[in-house]
N, C-alpha and C. Protein backbone atom coordinates (compact mmCIF):
# COMPACT_ATOMS: atom_id res chain seq x y z
N MET A 1 70.16 132.46 -185.74
CA MET A 1 70.33 133.37 -186.72
C MET A 1 68.99 133.82 -186.96
N ILE A 2 68.90 135.06 -187.20
CA ILE A 2 67.53 135.69 -187.48
C ILE A 2 67.19 135.55 -189.01
N ASN A 3 65.97 134.98 -189.39
CA ASN A 3 65.55 134.92 -190.79
C ASN A 3 65.33 136.16 -191.31
N VAL A 4 65.96 136.54 -192.29
CA VAL A 4 66.04 137.95 -193.01
C VAL A 4 64.51 138.30 -193.54
N ASN A 5 63.84 137.22 -193.85
CA ASN A 5 62.52 137.32 -194.58
C ASN A 5 61.64 137.88 -193.42
N VAL A 6 61.84 137.75 -192.08
CA VAL A 6 61.10 138.53 -191.14
C VAL A 6 61.15 140.07 -191.33
N PHE A 7 62.41 140.47 -191.67
CA PHE A 7 62.48 141.87 -191.88
C PHE A 7 61.81 142.36 -193.19
N LYS A 8 61.74 141.48 -194.18
CA LYS A 8 61.04 141.83 -195.34
C LYS A 8 59.35 141.86 -195.05
N ALA A 9 58.90 140.92 -194.33
CA ALA A 9 57.42 140.94 -193.96
C ALA A 9 57.22 142.08 -193.17
N LEU A 10 58.06 142.52 -192.12
CA LEU A 10 57.84 143.69 -191.44
C LEU A 10 58.04 145.08 -192.05
N SER A 11 58.58 145.10 -193.25
CA SER A 11 59.01 146.37 -193.86
C SER A 11 57.66 146.86 -194.72
N ASN A 12 56.60 146.27 -194.61
CA ASN A 12 55.43 146.63 -195.36
C ASN A 12 54.48 147.32 -194.20
N PRO A 13 53.84 148.49 -194.37
CA PRO A 13 53.04 149.03 -193.48
C PRO A 13 51.77 148.23 -193.26
N THR A 14 51.19 147.61 -194.19
CA THR A 14 49.83 146.99 -194.11
C THR A 14 50.24 145.56 -193.21
N ARG A 15 51.35 145.08 -193.43
CA ARG A 15 51.67 143.88 -192.61
C ARG A 15 51.85 144.15 -191.27
N LEU A 16 52.51 145.41 -191.01
CA LEU A 16 52.70 145.76 -189.66
C LEU A 16 51.50 146.10 -188.96
N ASP A 17 50.44 146.68 -189.71
CA ASP A 17 49.01 146.97 -189.33
C ASP A 17 48.39 145.90 -188.79
N ILE A 18 48.48 144.72 -189.70
CA ILE A 18 47.69 143.43 -189.39
C ILE A 18 48.28 142.87 -188.11
N LEU A 19 49.50 143.05 -187.81
CA LEU A 19 50.08 142.50 -186.57
C LEU A 19 49.53 143.35 -185.24
N LYS A 20 49.38 144.80 -185.56
CA LYS A 20 48.85 145.43 -184.63
C LYS A 20 47.42 145.19 -184.26
N TRP A 21 46.61 144.98 -185.56
CA TRP A 21 45.18 144.70 -185.33
C TRP A 21 44.95 143.33 -184.55
N LEU A 22 45.84 142.37 -184.86
CA LEU A 22 45.69 141.10 -184.20
C LEU A 22 46.19 141.22 -182.66
N LYS A 23 46.85 142.16 -182.27
CA LYS A 23 47.25 142.34 -180.87
C LYS A 23 45.95 142.75 -180.12
N ASN A 24 45.17 143.42 -180.63
CA ASN A 24 43.90 143.82 -179.79
C ASN A 24 42.72 143.81 -180.71
N PRO A 25 42.34 142.57 -181.10
CA PRO A 25 41.22 142.51 -182.34
C PRO A 25 40.03 142.97 -181.74
N GLU A 26 39.52 142.99 -180.50
CA GLU A 26 38.22 143.36 -180.11
C GLU A 26 38.12 145.07 -180.33
N GLU A 27 39.22 145.66 -180.38
CA GLU A 27 39.06 147.22 -180.61
C GLU A 27 39.33 147.60 -182.07
N GLU A 28 40.20 146.65 -182.72
CA GLU A 28 40.68 147.02 -183.99
C GLU A 28 39.84 146.43 -185.23
N ILE A 29 39.24 145.25 -184.88
CA ILE A 29 38.35 144.59 -185.94
C ILE A 29 36.88 145.07 -185.66
N THR A 30 36.41 146.18 -186.56
CA THR A 30 35.28 146.97 -186.26
C THR A 30 34.19 146.33 -187.27
N SER A 31 34.51 145.38 -188.33
CA SER A 31 33.55 144.97 -189.27
C SER A 31 32.40 144.09 -188.65
N VAL A 32 32.71 143.53 -187.56
CA VAL A 32 31.65 142.64 -186.77
C VAL A 32 31.81 143.15 -185.28
N SER A 33 30.83 142.67 -184.65
CA SER A 33 30.75 143.10 -183.10
C SER A 33 31.89 142.50 -182.32
N CYS A 34 32.01 143.10 -181.15
CA CYS A 34 33.06 142.65 -180.32
C CYS A 34 32.79 141.13 -179.78
N GLU A 35 31.60 140.70 -179.61
CA GLU A 35 31.03 139.44 -179.16
C GLU A 35 31.63 138.54 -180.33
N THR A 36 31.39 138.98 -181.59
CA THR A 36 31.69 137.94 -182.69
C THR A 36 33.28 137.98 -182.69
N VAL A 37 34.04 138.90 -182.44
CA VAL A 37 35.52 138.79 -182.49
C VAL A 37 35.97 137.94 -181.28
N ARG A 38 35.24 138.07 -180.21
CA ARG A 38 35.55 137.17 -178.98
C ARG A 38 35.40 135.70 -179.36
N TYR A 39 34.27 135.50 -180.15
CA TYR A 39 33.88 134.07 -180.57
C TYR A 39 34.92 133.65 -181.49
N MET A 40 35.46 134.43 -182.42
CA MET A 40 36.24 133.90 -183.49
C MET A 40 37.73 133.57 -182.75
N MET A 41 38.05 134.42 -181.74
CA MET A 41 39.36 134.21 -181.10
C MET A 41 39.45 132.93 -180.22
N THR A 42 38.21 132.79 -179.50
CA THR A 42 38.16 131.54 -178.66
C THR A 42 37.66 130.33 -179.35
N GLU A 43 36.76 130.35 -180.39
CA GLU A 43 36.31 129.14 -181.00
C GLU A 43 36.94 128.69 -182.27
N LYS A 44 37.31 129.69 -182.90
CA LYS A 44 38.02 129.47 -184.21
C LYS A 44 39.58 129.80 -184.28
N GLY A 45 40.06 130.37 -183.21
CA GLY A 45 41.55 130.47 -183.12
C GLY A 45 42.22 131.78 -183.83
N GLY A 46 41.30 132.65 -184.09
CA GLY A 46 41.83 133.83 -184.65
C GLY A 46 40.63 134.60 -185.37
N ILE A 47 41.01 135.45 -186.23
CA ILE A 47 40.27 136.55 -186.92
C ILE A 47 40.17 135.95 -188.42
N CYS A 48 38.95 135.86 -188.90
CA CYS A 48 38.59 135.50 -190.24
C CYS A 48 39.38 136.37 -191.38
N VAL A 49 39.98 135.75 -192.40
CA VAL A 49 40.53 136.56 -193.48
C VAL A 49 39.71 137.67 -193.97
N GLN A 50 38.50 137.36 -194.09
CA GLN A 50 37.54 138.43 -194.87
C GLN A 50 37.51 139.60 -193.77
N ASP A 51 37.44 139.40 -192.62
CA ASP A 51 37.51 140.77 -191.64
C ASP A 51 38.80 141.42 -191.80
N LEU A 52 40.01 140.78 -191.92
CA LEU A 52 41.22 141.46 -192.31
C LEU A 52 41.28 142.33 -193.58
N VAL A 53 40.67 141.62 -194.63
CA VAL A 53 40.55 142.22 -195.92
C VAL A 53 39.61 143.44 -195.79
N LYS A 54 38.57 143.47 -195.11
CA LYS A 54 37.77 144.68 -195.02
C LYS A 54 38.51 145.69 -194.21
N LYS A 55 39.27 145.42 -193.11
CA LYS A 55 39.94 146.31 -192.43
C LYS A 55 41.13 146.93 -193.23
N ALA A 56 41.82 146.07 -194.12
CA ALA A 56 42.95 146.62 -194.70
C ALA A 56 42.35 147.37 -196.11
N GLY A 57 41.36 147.15 -196.65
CA GLY A 57 40.95 147.72 -197.83
C GLY A 57 41.61 147.41 -199.09
N LEU A 58 42.14 146.06 -199.05
CA LEU A 58 43.01 145.72 -200.16
C LEU A 58 42.23 144.35 -200.73
N ALA A 59 42.68 143.77 -201.82
CA ALA A 59 42.11 142.78 -202.53
C ALA A 59 42.41 141.60 -201.57
N GLN A 60 41.56 140.53 -201.62
CA GLN A 60 41.55 139.38 -200.71
C GLN A 60 42.89 138.62 -201.02
N SER A 61 43.31 138.49 -202.39
CA SER A 61 44.58 137.91 -202.70
C SER A 61 45.68 138.66 -202.07
N THR A 62 45.75 139.82 -202.21
CA THR A 62 46.90 140.63 -201.56
C THR A 62 46.99 140.50 -200.05
N VAL A 63 45.89 140.50 -199.32
CA VAL A 63 45.98 140.20 -197.93
C VAL A 63 46.37 138.81 -197.58
N SER A 64 45.79 137.88 -198.42
CA SER A 64 46.18 136.56 -198.17
C SER A 64 47.58 136.14 -198.36
N SER A 65 48.23 136.84 -199.39
CA SER A 65 49.67 136.65 -199.58
C SER A 65 50.33 137.17 -198.39
N TYR A 66 50.01 138.42 -198.09
CA TYR A 66 50.67 139.01 -196.76
C TYR A 66 50.54 138.17 -195.47
N LEU A 67 49.43 137.50 -195.39
CA LEU A 67 49.25 136.63 -194.15
C LEU A 67 49.99 135.32 -194.26
N ALA A 68 50.23 134.89 -195.52
CA ALA A 68 51.03 133.69 -195.76
C ALA A 68 52.43 133.81 -195.61
N MET A 69 53.00 135.02 -196.07
CA MET A 69 54.37 135.56 -195.66
C MET A 69 54.52 135.60 -194.33
N MET A 70 53.68 136.17 -193.46
CA MET A 70 53.86 136.41 -192.16
C MET A 70 53.81 135.01 -191.46
N GLU A 71 53.01 134.18 -191.90
CA GLU A 71 52.95 132.71 -191.24
C GLU A 71 54.14 131.97 -191.53
N GLN A 72 54.79 132.07 -192.54
CA GLN A 72 56.09 131.56 -193.07
C GLN A 72 57.17 131.95 -192.07
N CYS A 73 57.02 133.20 -191.74
CA CYS A 73 58.19 133.81 -190.92
C CYS A 73 57.89 133.65 -189.44
N GLU A 74 56.69 132.70 -189.16
CA GLU A 74 56.40 132.41 -187.73
C GLU A 74 55.96 133.66 -186.87
N LEU A 75 55.31 134.66 -187.54
CA LEU A 75 54.79 135.82 -186.88
C LEU A 75 53.35 135.57 -186.60
N LEU A 76 52.63 134.76 -187.48
CA LEU A 76 51.25 134.36 -187.40
C LEU A 76 51.09 132.88 -187.35
N ILE A 77 49.78 132.55 -186.73
CA ILE A 77 49.45 131.17 -186.84
C ILE A 77 48.05 131.06 -187.44
N SER A 78 47.77 130.16 -188.28
CA SER A 78 46.45 130.12 -188.96
C SER A 78 45.73 128.76 -188.41
N GLU A 79 44.24 128.77 -188.46
CA GLU A 79 43.54 127.64 -188.26
C GLU A 79 42.65 127.54 -189.33
N ARG A 80 42.38 126.58 -190.00
CA ARG A 80 41.36 126.37 -191.01
C ARG A 80 40.09 125.72 -190.32
N HIS A 81 38.95 126.21 -190.67
CA HIS A 81 37.69 125.63 -190.24
C HIS A 81 36.86 125.61 -191.53
N GLY A 82 36.69 124.54 -192.01
CA GLY A 82 35.74 124.38 -193.29
C GLY A 82 36.43 125.17 -194.45
N LYS A 83 35.92 126.14 -195.13
CA LYS A 83 36.39 126.98 -196.04
C LYS A 83 37.17 128.27 -195.57
N TRP A 84 36.99 128.50 -194.20
CA TRP A 84 37.45 129.72 -193.79
C TRP A 84 38.85 129.62 -192.94
N THR A 85 39.63 130.36 -193.19
CA THR A 85 40.95 130.48 -192.41
C THR A 85 40.87 131.56 -191.41
N TYR A 86 41.49 131.41 -190.08
CA TYR A 86 41.44 132.36 -189.09
C TYR A 86 42.88 132.54 -188.61
N TYR A 87 43.26 133.80 -188.39
CA TYR A 87 44.78 134.10 -188.02
C TYR A 87 44.76 134.88 -186.61
N ARG A 88 45.94 134.40 -186.03
CA ARG A 88 46.17 135.04 -184.75
C ARG A 88 47.74 135.22 -184.72
N ARG A 89 48.00 136.19 -183.83
CA ARG A 89 49.55 136.36 -183.66
C ARG A 89 50.20 135.26 -182.99
N ASN A 90 51.48 134.84 -183.39
CA ASN A 90 52.30 133.84 -182.90
C ASN A 90 53.01 134.53 -181.70
N GLU A 91 52.55 134.58 -180.64
CA GLU A 91 53.27 135.29 -179.60
C GLU A 91 54.56 134.72 -179.18
N ALA A 92 54.78 133.40 -179.31
CA ALA A 92 56.04 132.82 -178.87
C ALA A 92 57.05 133.18 -179.97
N GLY A 93 56.60 133.16 -181.38
CA GLY A 93 57.47 133.46 -182.42
C GLY A 93 57.83 135.06 -182.32
N LEU A 94 57.08 135.93 -181.96
CA LEU A 94 57.25 137.34 -181.78
C LEU A 94 58.38 137.44 -180.59
N GLN A 95 58.15 136.78 -179.52
CA GLN A 95 59.06 136.77 -178.35
C GLN A 95 60.38 136.34 -178.78
N GLN A 96 60.39 135.31 -179.49
CA GLN A 96 61.71 134.92 -179.97
C GLN A 96 62.43 135.95 -180.93
N LEU A 97 61.61 136.38 -181.76
CA LEU A 97 62.35 137.58 -182.54
C LEU A 97 62.84 138.49 -181.84
N GLY A 98 62.08 139.00 -180.79
CA GLY A 98 62.77 140.11 -179.93
C GLY A 98 63.88 139.57 -179.25
N GLU A 99 63.97 138.50 -178.72
CA GLU A 99 65.16 137.83 -178.09
C GLU A 99 66.36 137.78 -178.92
N GLN A 100 66.15 137.46 -180.28
CA GLN A 100 67.15 137.34 -181.23
C GLN A 100 67.72 138.60 -181.61
N ILE A 101 66.84 139.55 -181.69
CA ILE A 101 67.20 140.99 -182.02
C ILE A 101 68.27 141.55 -180.83
N ARG A 102 67.74 141.32 -179.61
CA ARG A 102 68.53 141.73 -178.66
C ARG A 102 69.74 141.17 -178.54
N GLU A 103 69.90 139.79 -178.82
CA GLU A 103 71.07 138.99 -178.73
C GLU A 103 72.05 139.23 -179.91
N GLU A 104 71.48 139.28 -181.19
CA GLU A 104 72.28 139.35 -182.22
C GLU A 104 72.64 140.82 -182.95
N LEU A 105 71.81 141.74 -182.71
CA LEU A 105 71.89 142.85 -183.29
C LEU A 105 72.58 143.94 -182.43
C-alpha cells in the first residue's frame, strides 16, 4: 500500500524541486563548485543542507522540515557528519514508489 504522505510531500513545488536538484546536483547546486559538489556526494553522502537552503531561497527551518518530511517518506537519505547533515535521493525508495503507483493506481 502506498503511503499517502508521499503524495503530500510531492504536492509542494519546492520539495519537488529539491528532488530534481538532487537528481543532478553538479548542474543544479551552483552555490559551490562542481568539484565541491562531487566531494560532498562521494565523501559526505549528499548535498549539505545549507546549499539546499541557498538554492531554495527559503529559511533554513523551512527547508529542514521539507527534508525531514521527504526522508520520513523514504524519498531522501541523510548522513550526518559532525554538525552538518547531507542529503541525497533514495533511488531505491523512488523506484519502489514508481512500482507501487504502476501496480496499485
